[in-house]
Amino acid sequence: CDRIAIIDRGRKIAEGTMKELRQAR
């Protein structure tokens, strides 16, 4: 995937490229 959305219990909690997801954390 170029972009990933992480869904937890039916809610999107994060979205972005791997680089963006790493930066968010």
mmCIF file of all heavy atoms, coordinates in Angstrom:
data_MODEL
# 
_entry.id   MODEL 
# 
loop_
_atom_site.group_PDB 
_atom_site.id 
_atom_site.type_symbol 
_atom_site.label_atom_id 
_atom_site.label_alt_id 
_atom_site.label_comp_id 
_atom_site.label_asym_id 
_atom_site.label_entity_id 
_atom_site.label_seq_id 
_atom_site.pdbx_PDB_ins_code 
_atom_site.Cartn_x 
_atom_site.Cartn_y 
_atom_site.Cartn_z 
_atom_site.occupancy 
_atom_site.B_iso_or_equiv 
_atom_site.pdbx_formal_charge 
_atom_site.auth_seq_id 
_atom_site.auth_comp_id 
_atom_site.auth_asym_id 
_atom_site.auth_atom_id 
_atom_site.pdbx_PDB_model_num 
ATOM 1   N N   . CYS A 1 1  ? 0.813   -1.222 0.000  1.00 0.00 ? 1  CYS A N   1 
ATOM 2   C CA  . CYS A 1 1  ? 0.000   0.000  0.000  1.00 0.00 ? 1  CYS A CA  1 
ATOM 3   C C   . CYS A 1 1  ? 0.843   1.268  0.000  1.00 0.00 ? 1  CYS A C   1 
ATOM 4   O O   . CYS A 1 1  ? 1.823   1.374  0.723  1.00 0.00 ? 1  CYS A O   1 
ATOM 5   C CB  . CYS A 1 1  ? -0.918  0.000  1.217  1.00 0.00 ? 1  CYS A CB  1 
ATOM 6   S SG  . CYS A 1 1  ? -2.090  -1.376 1.186  1.00 0.00 ? 1  CYS A SG  1 
ATOM 7   N N   . ASP A 1 2  ? 0.395   2.219  -0.792 1.00 0.00 ? 2  ASP A N   1 
ATOM 8   C CA  . ASP A 1 2  ? 1.004   3.542  -0.785 1.00 0.00 ? 2  ASP A CA  1 
ATOM 9   C C   . ASP A 1 2  ? 0.496   4.347  0.412  1.00 0.00 ? 2  ASP A C   1 
ATOM 10  O O   . ASP A 1 2  ? 1.221   5.129  0.985  1.00 0.00 ? 2  ASP A O   1 
ATOM 11  C CB  . ASP A 1 2  ? 0.669   4.291  -2.075 1.00 0.00 ? 2  ASP A CB  1 
ATOM 12  C CG  . ASP A 1 2  ? 1.223   3.581  -3.298 1.00 0.00 ? 2  ASP A CG  1 
ATOM 13  O OD1 . ASP A 1 2  ? 2.349   3.054  -3.229 1.00 0.00 ? 2  ASP A OD1 1 
ATOM 14  O OD2 . ASP A 1 2  ? 0.516   3.542  -4.317 1.00 0.00 ? 2  ASP A OD2 1 
ATOM 15  N N   . ARG A 1 3  ? -0.785  4.134  0.746  1.00 0.00 ? 3  ARG A N   1 
ATOM 16  C CA  . ARG A 1 3  ? -1.404  4.785  1.908  1.00 0.00 ? 3  ARG A CA  1 
ATOM 17  C C   . ARG A 1 3  ? -2.137  3.718  2.708  1.00 0.00 ? 3  ARG A C   1 
ATOM 18  O O   . ARG A 1 3  ? -2.703  2.799  2.133  1.00 0.00 ? 3  ARG A O   1 
ATOM 19  C CB  . ARG A 1 3  ? -2.384  5.871  1.482  1.00 0.00 ? 3  ARG A CB  1 
ATOM 20  C CG  . ARG A 1 3  ? -1.714  7.022  0.765  1.00 0.00 ? 3  ARG A CG  1 
ATOM 21  C CD  . ARG A 1 3  ? -2.650  8.191  0.539  1.00 0.00 ? 3  ARG A CD  1 
ATOM 22  N NE  . ARG A 1 3  ? -3.211  8.758  1.760  1.00 0.00 ? 3  ARG A NE  1 
ATOM 23  C CZ  . ARG A 1 3  ? -2.559  9.568  2.606  1.00 0.00 ? 3  ARG A CZ  1 
ATOM 24  N NH1 . ARG A 1 3  ? -1.322  9.891  2.365  1.00 0.00 ? 3  ARG A NH1 1 
ATOM 25  N NH2 . ARG A 1 3  ? -3.158  10.054 3.665  1.00 0.00 ? 3  ARG A NH2 1 
ATOM 26  N N   . ILE A 1 4  ? -2.152  3.894  4.015  1.00 0.00 ? 4  ILE A N   1 
ATOM 27  C CA  . ILE A 1 4  ? -2.759  2.917  4.913  1.00 0.00 ? 4  ILE A CA  1 
ATOM 28  C C   . ILE A 1 4  ? -3.692  3.640  5.871  1.00 0.00 ? 4  ILE A C   1 
ATOM 29  O O   . ILE A 1 4  ? -3.356  4.698  6.401  1.00 0.00 ? 4  ILE A O   1 
ATOM 30  C CB  . ILE A 1 4  ? -1.669  2.165  5.711  1.00 0.00 ? 4  ILE A CB  1 
ATOM 31  C CG1 . ILE A 1 4  ? -0.776  1.371  4.750  1.00 0.00 ? 4  ILE A CG1 1 
ATOM 32  C CG2 . ILE A 1 4  ? -2.287  1.262  6.779  1.00 0.00 ? 4  ILE A CG2 1 
ATOM 33  C CD1 . ILE A 1 4  ? 0.487   0.843  5.367  1.00 0.00 ? 4  ILE A CD1 1 
ATOM 34  N N   . ALA A 1 5  ? -4.861  3.062  6.081  1.00 0.00 ? 5  ALA A N   1 
ATOM 35  C CA  . ALA A 1 5  ? -5.776  3.550  7.122  1.00 0.00 ? 5  ALA A CA  1 
ATOM 36  C C   . ALA A 1 5  ? -5.856  2.449  8.174  1.00 0.00 ? 5  ALA A C   1 
ATOM 37  O O   . ALA A 1 5  ? -6.060  1.282  7.845  1.00 0.00 ? 5  ALA A O   1 
ATOM 38  C CB  . ALA A 1 5  ? -7.160  3.824  6.539  1.00 0.00 ? 5  ALA A CB  1 
ATOM 39  N N   . ILE A 1 6  ? -5.680  2.819  9.410  1.00 0.00 ? 6  ILE A N   1 
ATOM 40  C CA  . ILE A 1 6  ? -5.795  1.867  10.513 1.00 0.00 ? 6  ILE A CA  1 
ATOM 41  C C   . ILE A 1 6  ? -7.156  2.067  11.154 1.00 0.00 ? 6  ILE A C   1 
ATOM 42  O O   . ILE A 1 6  ? -7.500  3.171  11.583 1.00 0.00 ? 6  ILE A O   1 
ATOM 43  C CB  . ILE A 1 6  ? -4.655  2.055  11.538 1.00 0.00 ? 6  ILE A CB  1 
ATOM 44  C CG1 . ILE A 1 6  ? -3.322  1.732  10.857 1.00 0.00 ? 6  ILE A CG1 1 
ATOM 45  C CG2 . ILE A 1 6  ? -4.891  1.174  12.767 1.00 0.00 ? 6  ILE A CG2 1 
ATOM 46  C CD1 . ILE A 1 6  ? -2.110  1.930  11.735 1.00 0.00 ? 6  ILE A CD1 1 
ATOM 47  N N   . ILE A 1 7  ? -7.905  0.982  11.185 1.00 0.00 ? 7  ILE A N   1 
ATOM 48  C CA  . ILE A 1 7  ? -9.253  1.011  11.736 1.00 0.00 ? 7  ILE A CA  1 
ATOM 49  C C   . ILE A 1 7  ? -9.276  0.139  12.973 1.00 0.00 ? 7  ILE A C   1 
ATOM 50  O O   . ILE A 1 7  ? -8.833  -1.007 12.948 1.00 0.00 ? 7  ILE A O   1 
ATOM 51  C CB  . ILE A 1 7  ? -10.277 0.529  10.693 1.00 0.00 ? 7  ILE A CB  1 
ATOM 52  C CG1 . ILE A 1 7  ? -10.232 1.475  9.487  1.00 0.00 ? 7  ILE A CG1 1 
ATOM 53  C CG2 . ILE A 1 7  ? -11.682 0.451  11.289 1.00 0.00 ? 7  ILE A CG2 1 
ATOM 54  C CD1 . ILE A 1 7  ? -11.038 1.024  8.307  1.00 0.00 ? 7  ILE A CD1 1 
ATOM 55  N N   . ASP A 1 8  ? -9.774  0.690  14.056 1.00 0.00 ? 8  ASP A N   1 
ATOM 56  C CA  . ASP A 1 8  ? -9.861  -0.016 15.335 1.00 0.00 ? 8  ASP A CA  1 
ATOM 57  C C   . ASP A 1 8  ? -11.297 0.087  15.835 1.00 0.00 ? 8  ASP A C   1 
ATOM 58  O O   . ASP A 1 8  ? -11.804 1.195  16.022 1.00 0.00 ? 8  ASP A O   1 
ATOM 59  C CB  . ASP A 1 8  ? -8.884  0.612  16.336 1.00 0.00 ? 8  ASP A CB  1 
ATOM 60  C CG  . ASP A 1 8  ? -8.818  -0.136 17.650 1.00 0.00 ? 8  ASP A CG  1 
ATOM 61  O OD1 . ASP A 1 8  ? -8.929  -1.375 17.647 1.00 0.00 ? 8  ASP A OD1 1 
ATOM 62  O OD2 . ASP A 1 8  ? -8.656  0.532  18.697 1.00 0.00 ? 8  ASP A OD2 1 
ATOM 63  N N   . ARG A 1 9  ? -11.934 -1.059 15.979 1.00 0.00 ? 9  ARG A N   1 
ATOM 64  C CA  . ARG A 1 9  ? -13.324 -1.130 16.437 1.00 0.00 ? 9  ARG A CA  1 
ATOM 65  C C   . ARG A 1 9  ? -14.251 -0.241 15.602 1.00 0.00 ? 9  ARG A C   1 
ATOM 66  O O   . ARG A 1 9  ? -15.087 0.489  16.132 1.00 0.00 ? 9  ARG A O   1 
ATOM 67  C CB  . ARG A 1 9  ? -13.419 -0.783 17.914 1.00 0.00 ? 9  ARG A CB  1 
ATOM 68  C CG  . ARG A 1 9  ? -12.791 -1.870 18.790 1.00 0.00 ? 9  ARG A CG  1 
ATOM 69  C CD  . ARG A 1 9  ? -12.952 -1.564 20.229 1.00 0.00 ? 9  ARG A CD  1 
ATOM 70  N NE  . ARG A 1 9  ? -11.617 -1.278 20.722 1.00 0.00 ? 9  ARG A NE  1 
ATOM 71  C CZ  . ARG A 1 9  ? -11.350 -0.736 21.866 1.00 0.00 ? 9  ARG A CZ  1 
ATOM 72  N NH1 . ARG A 1 9  ? -12.303 -0.382 22.675 1.00 0.00 ? 9  ARG A NH1 1 
ATOM 73  N NH2 . ARG A 1 9  ? -10.113 -0.526 22.232 1.00 0.00 ? 9  ARG A NH2 1 
ATOM 74  N N   . GLY A 1 10 ? -14.048 -0.297 14.302 1.00 0.00 ? 10 GLY A N   1 
ATOM 75  C CA  . GLY A 1 10 ? -14.930 0.423  13.392 1.00 0.00 ? 10 GLY A CA  1 
ATOM 76  C C   . GLY A 1 10 ? -14.618 1.891  13.200 1.00 0.00 ? 10 GLY A C   1 
ATOM 77  O O   . GLY A 1 10 ? -15.314 2.577  12.468 1.00 0.00 ? 10 GLY A O   1 
ATOM 78  N N   . ARG A 1 11 ? -13.569 2.387  13.842 1.00 0.00 ? 11 ARG A N   1 
ATOM 79  C CA  . ARG A 1 11 ? -13.202 3.802  13.705 1.00 0.00 ? 11 ARG A CA  1 
ATOM 80  C C   . ARG A 1 11 ? -11.812 3.933  13.100 1.00 0.00 ? 11 ARG A C   1 
ATOM 81  O O   . ARG A 1 11 ? -10.887 3.240  13.519 1.00 0.00 ? 11 ARG A O   1 
ATOM 82  C CB  . ARG A 1 11 ? -13.186 4.482  15.074 1.00 0.00 ? 11 ARG A CB  1 
ATOM 83  C CG  . ARG A 1 11 ? -14.539 4.791  15.632 1.00 0.00 ? 11 ARG A CG  1 
ATOM 84  C CD  . ARG A 1 11 ? -14.428 5.696  16.860 1.00 0.00 ? 11 ARG A CD  1 
ATOM 85  N NE  . ARG A 1 11 ? -13.049 6.059  17.150 1.00 0.00 ? 11 ARG A NE  1 
ATOM 86  C CZ  . ARG A 1 11 ? -12.440 5.865  18.320 1.00 0.00 ? 11 ARG A CZ  1 
ATOM 87  N NH1 . ARG A 1 11 ? -13.077 5.355  19.327 1.00 0.00 ? 11 ARG A NH1 1 
ATOM 88  N NH2 . ARG A 1 11 ? -11.189 6.207  18.504 1.00 0.00 ? 11 ARG A NH2 1 
ATOM 89  N N   . LYS A 1 12 ? -11.680 4.860  12.165 1.00 0.00 ? 12 LYS A N   1 
ATOM 90  C CA  . LYS A 1 12 ? -10.357 5.127  11.605 1.00 0.00 ? 12 LYS A CA  1 
ATOM 91  C C   . LYS A 1 12 ? -9.585  5.946  12.627 1.00 0.00 ? 12 LYS A C   1 
ATOM 92  O O   . LYS A 1 12 ? -10.021 7.024  13.035 1.00 0.00 ? 12 LYS A O   1 
ATOM 93  C CB  . LYS A 1 12 ? -10.480 5.889  10.287 1.00 0.00 ? 12 LYS A CB  1 
ATOM 94  C CG  . LYS A 1 12 ? -9.131  6.186  9.647  1.00 0.00 ? 12 LYS A CG  1 
ATOM 95  C CD  . LYS A 1 12 ? -9.271  6.796  8.281  1.00 0.00 ? 12 LYS A CD  1 
ATOM 96  C CE  . LYS A 1 12 ? -9.783  8.196  8.393  1.00 0.00 ? 12 LYS A CE  1 
ATOM 97  N NZ  . LYS A 1 12 ? -9.771  8.951  7.152  1.00 0.00 ? 12 LYS A NZ  1 
ATOM 98  N N   . ILE A 1 13 ? -8.429  5.421  13.047 1.00 0.00 ? 13 ILE A N   1 
ATOM 99  C CA  . ILE A 1 13 ? -7.637  6.138  14.047 1.00 0.00 ? 13 ILE A CA  1 
ATOM 100 C C   . ILE A 1 13 ? -6.368  6.740  13.469 1.00 0.00 ? 13 ILE A C   1 
ATOM 101 O O   . ILE A 1 13 ? -5.732  7.572  14.118 1.00 0.00 ? 13 ILE A O   1 
ATOM 102 C CB  . ILE A 1 13 ? -7.295  5.238  15.266 1.00 0.00 ? 13 ILE A CB  1 
ATOM 103 C CG1 . ILE A 1 13 ? -6.483  4.016  14.844 1.00 0.00 ? 13 ILE A CG1 1 
ATOM 104 C CG2 . ILE A 1 13 ? -8.574  4.822  15.994 1.00 0.00 ? 13 ILE A CG2 1 
ATOM 105 C CD1 . ILE A 1 13 ? -5.914  3.242  16.014 1.00 0.00 ? 13 ILE A CD1 1 
ATOM 106 N N   . ALA A 1 14 ? -5.993  6.321  12.264 1.00 0.00 ? 14 ALA A N   1 
ATOM 107 C CA  . ALA A 1 14 ? -4.802  6.885  11.618 1.00 0.00 ? 14 ALA A CA  1 
ATOM 108 C C   . ALA A 1 14 ? -4.875  6.595  10.130 1.00 0.00 ? 14 ALA A C   1 
ATOM 109 O O   . ALA A 1 14 ? -5.483  5.617  9.703  1.00 0.00 ? 14 ALA A O   1 
ATOM 110 C CB  . ALA A 1 14 ? -3.538  6.277  12.211 1.00 0.00 ? 14 ALA A CB  1 
ATOM 111 N N   . GLU A 1 15 ? -4.229  7.475  9.363  1.00 0.00 ? 15 GLU A N   1 
ATOM 112 C CA  . GLU A 1 15 ? -4.167  7.279  7.918  1.00 0.00 ? 15 GLU A CA  1 
ATOM 113 C C   . GLU A 1 15 ? -2.945  7.994  7.387  1.00 0.00 ? 15 GLU A C   1 
ATOM 114 O O   . GLU A 1 15 ? -2.602  9.080  7.861  1.00 0.00 ? 15 GLU A O   1 
ATOM 115 C CB  . GLU A 1 15 ? -5.411  7.850  7.239  1.00 0.00 ? 15 GLU A CB  1 
ATOM 116 C CG  . GLU A 1 15 ? -5.387  7.728  5.743  1.00 0.00 ? 15 GLU A CG  1 
ATOM 117 C CD  . GLU A 1 15 ? -6.592  8.371  5.074  1.00 0.00 ? 15 GLU A CD  1 
ATOM 118 O OE1 . GLU A 1 15 ? -7.493  8.879  5.763  1.00 0.00 ? 15 GLU A OE1 1 
ATOM 119 O OE2 . GLU A 1 15 ? -6.605  8.378  3.840  1.00 0.00 ? 15 GLU A OE2 1 
ATOM 120 N N   . GLY A 1 16 ? -2.278  7.377  6.436  1.00 0.00 ? 16 GLY A N   1 
ATOM 121 C CA  . GLY A 1 16 ? -1.144  8.019  5.789  1.00 0.00 ? 16 GLY A CA  1 
ATOM 122 C C   . GLY A 1 16 ? -0.195  7.014  5.180  1.00 0.00 ? 16 GLY A C   1 
ATOM 123 O O   . GLY A 1 16 ? -0.459  5.820  5.146  1.00 0.00 ? 16 GLY A O   1 
ATOM 124 N N   . THR A 1 17 ? 0.913   7.531  4.700  1.00 0.00 ? 17 THR A N   1 
ATOM 125 C CA  . THR A 1 17 ? 1.985   6.673  4.202  1.00 0.00 ? 17 THR A CA  1 
ATOM 126 C C   . THR A 1 17 ? 2.680   6.059  5.415  1.00 0.00 ? 17 THR A C   1 
ATOM 127 O O   . THR A 1 17 ? 2.464   6.502  6.555  1.00 0.00 ? 17 THR A O   1 
ATOM 128 C CB  . THR A 1 17 ? 3.000   7.491  3.393  1.00 0.00 ? 17 THR A CB  1 
ATOM 129 O OG1 . THR A 1 17 ? 3.619   8.435  4.284  1.00 0.00 ? 17 THR A OG1 1 
ATOM 130 C CG2 . THR A 1 17 ? 2.349   8.211  2.221  1.00 0.00 ? 17 THR A CG2 1 
ATOM 131 N N   . MET A 1 18 ? 3.537   5.094  5.181  1.00 0.00 ? 18 MET A N   1 
ATOM 132 C CA  . MET A 1 18 ? 4.289   4.526  6.302  1.00 0.00 ? 18 MET A CA  1 
ATOM 133 C C   . MET A 1 18 ? 5.111   5.622  6.982  1.00 0.00 ? 18 MET A C   1 
ATOM 134 O O   . MET A 1 18 ? 5.163   5.682  8.208  1.00 0.00 ? 18 MET A O   1 
ATOM 135 C CB  . MET A 1 18 ? 5.197   3.382  5.824  1.00 0.00 ? 18 MET A CB  1 
ATOM 136 C CG  . MET A 1 18 ? 4.484   2.086  5.593  1.00 0.00 ? 18 MET A CG  1 
ATOM 137 S SD  . MET A 1 18 ? 3.748   1.402  7.111  1.00 0.00 ? 18 MET A SD  1 
ATOM 138 C CE  . MET A 1 18 ? 5.214   1.075  8.101  1.00 0.00 ? 18 MET A CE  1 
ATOM 139 N N   . LYS A 1 19 ? 5.709   6.506  6.206  1.00 0.00 ? 19 LYS A N   1 
ATOM 140 C CA  . LYS A 1 19 ? 6.498   7.593  6.781  1.00 0.00 ? 19 LYS A CA  1 
ATOM 141 C C   . LYS A 1 19 ? 5.619   8.480  7.660  1.00 0.00 ? 19 LYS A C   1 
ATOM 142 O O   . LYS A 1 19 ? 6.009   8.851  8.774  1.00 0.00 ? 19 LYS A O   1 
ATOM 143 C CB  . LYS A 1 19 ? 7.144   8.413  5.658  1.00 0.00 ? 19 LYS A CB  1 
ATOM 144 C CG  . LYS A 1 19 ? 8.023   9.527  6.150  1.00 0.00 ? 19 LYS A CG  1 
ATOM 145 C CD  . LYS A 1 19 ? 8.669   10.266 4.995  1.00 0.00 ? 19 LYS A CD  1 
ATOM 146 C CE  . LYS A 1 19 ? 9.549   11.393 5.514  1.00 0.00 ? 19 LYS A CE  1 
ATOM 147 N NZ  . LYS A 1 19 ? 10.202  12.117 4.408  1.00 0.00 ? 19 LYS A NZ  1 
ATOM 148 N N   . GLU A 1 20 ? 4.437   8.821  7.181  1.00 0.00 ? 20 GLU A N   1 
ATOM 149 C CA  . GLU A 1 20 ? 3.525   9.669  7.958  1.00 0.00 ? 20 GLU A CA  1 
ATOM 150 C C   . GLU A 1 20 ? 3.056   8.972  9.230  1.00 0.00 ? 20 GLU A C   1 
ATOM 151 O O   . GLU A 1 20 ? 2.948   9.609  10.288 1.00 0.00 ? 20 GLU A O   1 
ATOM 152 C CB  . GLU A 1 20 ? 2.326   10.080 7.100  1.00 0.00 ? 20 GLU A CB  1 
ATOM 153 C CG  . GLU A 1 20 ? 2.693   11.031 5.976  1.00 0.00 ? 20 GLU A CG  1 
ATOM 154 C CD  . GLU A 1 20 ? 1.586   11.187 4.933  1.00 0.00 ? 20 GLU A CD  1 
ATOM 155 O OE1 . GLU A 1 20 ? 0.654   10.360 4.886  1.00 0.00 ? 20 GLU A OE1 1 
ATOM 156 O OE2 . GLU A 1 20 ? 1.680   12.157 4.153  1.00 0.00 ? 20 GLU A OE2 1 
ATOM 157 N N   . LEU A 1 21 ? 2.778   7.681  9.137  1.00 0.00 ? 21 LEU A N   1 
ATOM 158 C CA  . LEU A 1 21 ? 2.354   6.938  10.332 1.00 0.00 ? 21 LEU A CA  1 
ATOM 159 C C   . LEU A 1 21 ? 3.484   6.875  11.354 1.00 0.00 ? 21 LEU A C   1 
ATOM 160 O O   . LEU A 1 21 ? 3.244   6.999  12.556 1.00 0.00 ? 21 LEU A O   1 
ATOM 161 C CB  . LEU A 1 21 ? 1.881   5.525  9.962  1.00 0.00 ? 21 LEU A CB  1 
ATOM 162 C CG  . LEU A 1 21 ? 0.601   5.446  9.145  1.00 0.00 ? 21 LEU A CG  1 
ATOM 163 C CD1 . LEU A 1 21 ? 0.335   4.006  8.706  1.00 0.00 ? 21 LEU A CD1 1 
ATOM 164 C CD2 . LEU A 1 21 ? -0.585  5.996  9.910  1.00 0.00 ? 21 LEU A CD2 1 
ATOM 165 N N   . ARG A 1 22 ? 4.705   6.693  10.874 1.00 0.00 ? 22 ARG A N   1 
ATOM 166 C CA  . ARG A 1 22 ? 5.854   6.677  11.794 1.00 0.00 ? 22 ARG A CA  1 
ATOM 167 C C   . ARG A 1 22 ? 6.011   8.043  12.464 1.00 0.00 ? 22 ARG A C   1 
ATOM 168 O O   . ARG A 1 22 ? 6.224   8.130  13.674 1.00 0.00 ? 22 ARG A O   1 
ATOM 169 C CB  . ARG A 1 22 ? 7.129   6.317  11.033 1.00 0.00 ? 22 ARG A CB  1 
ATOM 170 C CG  . ARG A 1 22 ? 7.202   4.864  10.649 1.00 0.00 ? 22 ARG A CG  1 
ATOM 171 C CD  . ARG A 1 22 ? 8.496   4.561  9.881  1.00 0.00 ? 22 ARG A CD  1 
ATOM 172 N NE  . ARG A 1 22 ? 8.540   3.180  9.490  1.00 0.00 ? 22 ARG A NE  1 
ATOM 173 C CZ  . ARG A 1 22 ? 8.618   2.774  8.220  1.00 0.00 ? 22 ARG A CZ  1 
ATOM 174 N NH1 . ARG A 1 22 ? 8.677   3.657  7.224  1.00 0.00 ? 22 ARG A NH1 1 
ATOM 175 N NH2 . ARG A 1 22 ? 8.648   1.490  7.945  1.00 0.00 ? 22 ARG A NH2 1 
ATOM 176 N N   . GLN A 1 23 ? 5.892   9.112  11.679 1.00 0.00 ? 23 GLN A N   1 
ATOM 177 C CA  . GLN A 1 23 ? 6.035   10.459 12.226 1.00 0.00 ? 23 GLN A CA  1 
ATOM 178 C C   . GLN A 1 23 ? 4.937   10.761 13.241 1.00 0.00 ? 23 GLN A C   1 
ATOM 179 O O   . GLN A 1 23 ? 5.178   11.430 14.237 1.00 0.00 ? 23 GLN A O   1 
ATOM 180 C CB  . GLN A 1 23 ? 6.031   11.492 11.109 1.00 0.00 ? 23 GLN A CB  1 
ATOM 181 C CG  . GLN A 1 23 ? 7.294   11.462 10.281 1.00 0.00 ? 23 GLN A CG  1 
ATOM 182 C CD  . GLN A 1 23 ? 7.213   12.353 9.054  1.00 0.00 ? 23 GLN A CD  1 
ATOM 183 O OE1 . GLN A 1 23 ? 6.146   12.750 8.614  1.00 0.00 ? 23 GLN A OE1 1 
ATOM 184 N NE2 . GLN A 1 23 ? 8.379   12.645 8.475  1.00 0.00 ? 23 GLN A NE2 1 
ATOM 185 N N   . ALA A 1 24 ? 3.725   10.267 13.004 1.00 0.00 ? 24 ALA A N   1 
ATOM 186 C CA  . ALA A 1 24 ? 2.611   10.501 13.926 1.00 0.00 ? 24 ALA A CA  1 
ATOM 187 C C   . ALA A 1 24 ? 2.897   9.900  15.288 1.00 0.00 ? 24 ALA A C   1 
ATOM 188 O O   . ALA A 1 24 ? 2.402   10.387 16.298 1.00 0.00 ? 24 ALA A O   1 
ATOM 189 C CB  . ALA A 1 24 ? 1.314   9.922  13.358 1.00 0.00 ? 24 ALA A CB  1 
ATOM 190 N N   . ARG A 1 25 ? 3.703   8.857  15.321 1.00 0.00 ? 25 ARG A N   1 
ATOM 191 C CA  . ARG A 1 25 ? 4.061   8.216  16.585 1.00 0.00 ? 25 ARG A CA  1 
ATOM 192 C C   . ARG A 1 25 ? 5.428   8.671  17.070 1.00 0.00 ? 25 ARG A C   1 
ATOM 193 O O   . ARG A 1 25 ? 5.986   8.091  17.999 1.00 0.00 ? 25 ARG A O   1 
ATOM 194 C CB  . ARG A 1 25 ? 4.052   6.682  16.434 1.00 0.00 ? 25 ARG A CB  1 
ATOM 195 C CG  . ARG A 1 25 ? 2.692   6.076  16.274 1.00 0.00 ? 25 ARG A CG  1 
ATOM 196 C CD  . ARG A 1 25 ? 1.764   6.326  17.446 1.00 0.00 ? 25 ARG A CD  1 
ATOM 197 N NE  . ARG A 1 25 ? 2.377   5.944  18.707 1.00 0.00 ? 25 ARG A NE  1 
ATOM 198 C CZ  . ARG A 1 25 ? 2.123   6.530  19.862 1.00 0.00 ? 25 ARG A CZ  1 
ATOM 199 N NH1 . ARG A 1 25 ? 1.285   7.515  19.933 1.00 0.00 ? 25 ARG A NH1 1 
ATOM 200 N NH2 . ARG A 1 25 ? 2.712   6.119  20.955 1.00 0.00 ? 25 ARG A NH2 1 
# 
